[in-house]
Amino acid sequence: MQIAYTMAPGRGDTDLILFQVAQRLMQAGLTPCGTVQINTDRTDGGKCDMDVQVLPKGPVIRISQTLGKEARGCRLDPAALETSVALTETALRAGADLLIVNKFGKHEAEGRGFRVAIGMALEGGVPVIVGLNPLNRVAFFDYIADLGCQLAPDVGSVEAWARAQVSARAAGADCAARASSAA
């Protein structure tokens, strides 16, 4: 199985890394599916708005709710998250080179969110890159056991891993096709 994760120390840094990696991969002609997060500062001083871009060419979906400056609860909009999950699963079934999941978050830790999409990708031999934060690290490792590879939190490292995995997968498919045609 090909699954890797990255964790950047600064708030929103992992989001920026995965966004840039996705853009570079698409510019190179690859087809990633999944989501990358885009955070936008609010002018009213409240917490940032969180949107996800559904890859490769899907919509931008607001996944945060505006609860007010003093609100302390979870701002995630579960319905919006599940919409992005459904669109990702559809794109994965249509064929993708790679799955990018912006964050293995609370929903994934509890068995929801992108967890099924991750499993679908791994079963289909599609490499997976996941953004991870310390809060959900234990749940992530409970889910993947020792199958994951930690990547340095920089665009170059994540992109290089993705390209290597996609190339290896393509080479394996080419070998299998040659073997079956020779039989």
Protein backbone atom coordinates (compact mmCIF):
# COMPACT_ATOMS: atom_id res chain seq x y z
CA MET A 1 0.00 0.00 0.00
CA GLN A 2 1.17 3.48 -0.80
CA ILE A 3 0.15 6.04 1.77
CA ALA A 4 2.14 9.00 3.00
CA TYR A 5 1.42 11.84 5.36
CA THR A 6 2.90 15.21 6.12
CA MET A 7 2.60 17.52 9.11
CA ALA A 8 3.79 21.10 8.95
CA PRO A 9 4.38 22.99 12.21
CA GLY A 10 2.58 26.26 11.39
CA ARG A 11 -1.17 26.77 11.31
CA GLY A 12 -2.36 26.28 7.72
CA ASP A 13 1.09 25.31 6.42
CA THR A 14 0.08 21.74 5.56
CA ASP A 15 -2.87 23.15 3.59
CA LEU A 16 -0.56 25.37 1.55
CA ILE A 17 1.86 22.53 0.84
CA LEU A 18 -0.85 20.17 -0.38
CA PHE A 19 -2.47 22.91 -2.48
CA GLN A 20 0.84 23.68 -4.21
CA VAL A 21 1.59 20.00 -4.76
CA ALA A 22 -1.83 19.45 -6.34
CA GLN A 23 -1.32 22.44 -8.65
CA ARG A 24 2.10 21.20 -9.75
CA LEU A 25 0.87 17.67 -10.38
CA MET A 26 -2.05 18.91 -12.48
CA GLN A 27 0.28 21.20 -14.45
CA ALA A 28 2.41 18.12 -15.16
CA GLY A 29 -0.63 16.34 -16.62
CA LEU A 30 -1.42 14.08 -13.67
CA THR A 31 -4.91 13.63 -12.29
CA PRO A 32 -5.13 13.88 -8.53
CA CYS A 33 -8.49 13.58 -6.82
CA GLY A 34 -9.43 14.53 -3.29
CA THR A 35 -9.38 17.92 -1.62
CA VAL A 36 -7.02 20.72 -0.78
CA GLN A 37 -7.94 23.32 1.80
CA ILE A 38 -7.93 27.05 1.21
CA ASN A 39 -8.10 29.27 4.30
CA THR A 40 -9.27 32.86 3.94
CA ASP A 41 -8.86 35.47 6.67
CA ARG A 42 -12.06 37.21 7.70
CA THR A 43 -12.34 40.99 7.79
CA ASP A 44 -14.47 40.90 10.98
CA GLY A 45 -11.64 39.45 13.08
CA GLY A 46 -13.27 36.04 13.38
CA LYS A 47 -11.55 32.77 12.64
CA CYS A 48 -10.68 32.14 8.99
CA ASP A 49 -13.13 30.68 6.51
CA MET A 50 -12.20 27.16 5.43
CA ASP A 51 -12.93 26.02 1.89
CA VAL A 52 -11.87 22.89 0.05
CA GLN A 53 -11.13 22.65 -3.64
CA VAL A 54 -12.36 19.29 -4.91
CA LEU A 55 -9.75 17.86 -7.25
CA PRO A 56 -9.13 17.78 -10.08
CA LYS A 57 -11.67 20.28 -11.41
CA GLY A 58 -14.46 20.21 -8.89
CA PRO A 59 -16.08 23.03 -7.00
CA VAL A 60 -14.77 25.01 -4.06
CA ILE A 61 -16.92 24.13 -1.05
CA ARG A 62 -17.09 26.10 2.20
CA ILE A 63 -16.61 23.55 4.97
CA SER A 64 -16.64 26.00 7.89
CA GLN A 65 -19.59 27.60 9.55
CA THR A 66 -19.54 31.17 10.82
CA LEU A 67 -20.50 30.83 14.47
CA GLY A 68 -19.41 34.27 15.69
CA LYS A 69 -16.22 35.66 17.19
CA GLU A 70 -16.78 34.26 20.67
CA ALA A 71 -17.84 30.75 19.58
CA ARG A 72 -15.66 27.93 20.87
CA GLY A 73 -17.31 24.88 19.26
CA CYS A 74 -16.33 23.00 16.14
CA ARG A 75 -16.84 25.14 13.05
CA LEU A 76 -16.82 22.25 10.56
CA ASP A 77 -19.96 21.93 8.45
CA PRO A 78 -20.44 18.13 8.34
CA ALA A 79 -22.83 18.26 5.37
CA ALA A 80 -20.33 20.27 3.32
CA LEU A 81 -17.57 17.84 4.25
CA GLU A 82 -19.68 14.87 3.16
CA THR A 83 -20.44 16.61 -0.14
CA SER A 84 -16.72 16.92 -0.81
CA VAL A 85 -16.24 13.28 0.19
CA ALA A 86 -18.95 12.12 -2.24
CA LEU A 87 -17.42 14.15 -5.08
CA THR A 88 -14.00 12.72 -4.26
CA GLU A 89 -15.29 9.14 -4.29
CA THR A 90 -16.91 9.78 -7.68
CA ALA A 91 -13.64 11.19 -9.07
CA LEU A 92 -11.72 8.24 -7.62
CA ARG A 93 -14.04 5.76 -9.35
CA ALA A 94 -13.62 7.67 -12.63
CA GLY A 95 -9.86 7.19 -12.44
CA ALA A 96 -7.18 9.17 -10.69
CA ASP A 97 -3.42 9.01 -10.39
CA LEU A 98 -3.37 9.98 -6.73
CA LEU A 99 -5.66 10.78 -3.80
CA ILE A 100 -4.91 13.88 -1.72
CA VAL A 101 -6.79 14.32 1.56
CA ASN A 102 -6.28 17.74 3.10
CA LYS A 103 -6.62 16.43 6.65
CA PHE A 104 -7.19 13.22 8.53
CA GLY A 105 -9.43 14.96 11.02
CA LYS A 106 -11.92 14.17 13.72
CA HIS A 107 -14.46 12.72 11.29
CA GLU A 108 -11.88 10.33 9.84
CA ALA A 109 -10.69 9.42 13.34
CA GLU A 110 -14.29 8.45 14.13
CA GLY A 111 -14.65 6.33 10.97
CA ARG A 112 -16.35 8.90 8.75
CA GLY A 113 -15.23 11.59 6.33
CA PHE A 114 -12.56 10.54 3.83
CA ARG A 115 -11.86 7.22 5.51
CA VAL A 116 -13.78 5.16 2.91
CA ALA A 117 -12.15 7.09 0.05
CA ILE A 118 -8.71 6.37 1.51
CA GLY A 119 -9.58 2.67 1.72
CA MET A 120 -10.92 2.68 -1.85
CA ALA A 121 -7.74 4.26 -3.14
CA LEU A 122 -5.44 1.88 -1.30
CA GLU A 123 -7.44 -1.16 -2.44
CA GLY A 124 -7.20 0.11 -6.03
CA GLY A 125 -3.45 0.72 -5.80
CA VAL A 126 -3.88 4.51 -5.97
CA PRO A 127 -1.24 6.34 -3.88
CA VAL A 128 -2.59 8.52 -1.05
CA ILE A 129 -1.19 11.67 0.57
CA VAL A 130 -2.79 12.85 3.79
CA GLY A 131 -2.36 16.03 5.80
CA LEU A 132 -2.10 15.14 9.47
CA ASN A 133 -2.21 17.10 12.70
CA PRO A 134 -1.03 15.93 16.12
CA LEU A 135 -4.59 15.73 17.50
CA ASN A 136 -5.53 12.84 15.20
CA ARG A 137 -2.14 11.16 14.87
CA VAL A 138 -2.98 8.17 17.09
CA ALA A 139 -6.25 7.49 15.23
CA PHE A 140 -4.45 7.77 11.88
CA PHE A 141 -1.85 5.18 12.90
CA ASP A 142 -4.56 2.94 14.35
CA TYR A 143 -6.15 3.06 10.88
CA ILE A 144 -3.04 2.56 8.70
CA ALA A 145 -0.87 0.59 11.18
CA ASP A 146 2.72 0.78 9.98
CA LEU A 147 1.90 1.29 6.30
CA GLY A 148 2.45 5.04 6.16
CA CYS A 149 5.48 7.00 5.11
CA GLN A 150 6.17 10.38 6.72
CA LEU A 151 7.16 13.10 4.26
CA ALA A 152 9.03 16.26 5.11
CA PRO A 153 6.64 19.22 5.27
CA ASP A 154 7.77 20.86 2.05
CA VAL A 155 6.39 20.96 -1.48
CA GLY A 156 9.44 19.35 -3.07
CA SER A 157 9.43 16.26 -0.84
CA VAL A 158 5.69 15.66 -1.14
CA GLU A 159 5.70 16.21 -4.90
CA ALA A 160 8.70 13.91 -5.40
CA TRP A 161 7.02 11.11 -3.43
CA ALA A 162 3.78 11.54 -5.39
CA ARG A 163 5.53 11.45 -8.77
CA ALA A 164 7.57 8.39 -7.78
CA GLN A 165 4.46 6.52 -6.64
CA VAL A 166 2.49 7.41 -9.77
CA SER A 167 5.44 6.36 -11.97
CA ALA A 168 5.86 3.07 -10.12
CA ARG A 169 2.15 2.34 -10.46
CA ALA A 170 2.25 3.08 -14.20
CA ALA A 171 5.35 0.90 -14.64
CA GLY A 172 3.60 -1.95 -12.82
CA ALA A 173 0.57 -1.62 -15.07
CA ASP A 174 2.82 -1.64 -18.15
CA CYS A 175 4.58 -4.79 -16.94
CA ALA A 176 1.26 -6.52 -16.25
CA ALA A 177 -0.04 -5.58 -19.72
CA ARG A 178 3.11 -6.93 -21.41
CA ALA A 179 2.93 -10.14 -19.40
CA SER A 180 -0.71 -10.76 -20.30
CA SER A 181 -0.12 -10.04 -24.02
CA ALA A 182 2.84 -12.44 -24.05
CA ALA A 183 0.74 -15.26 -22.57
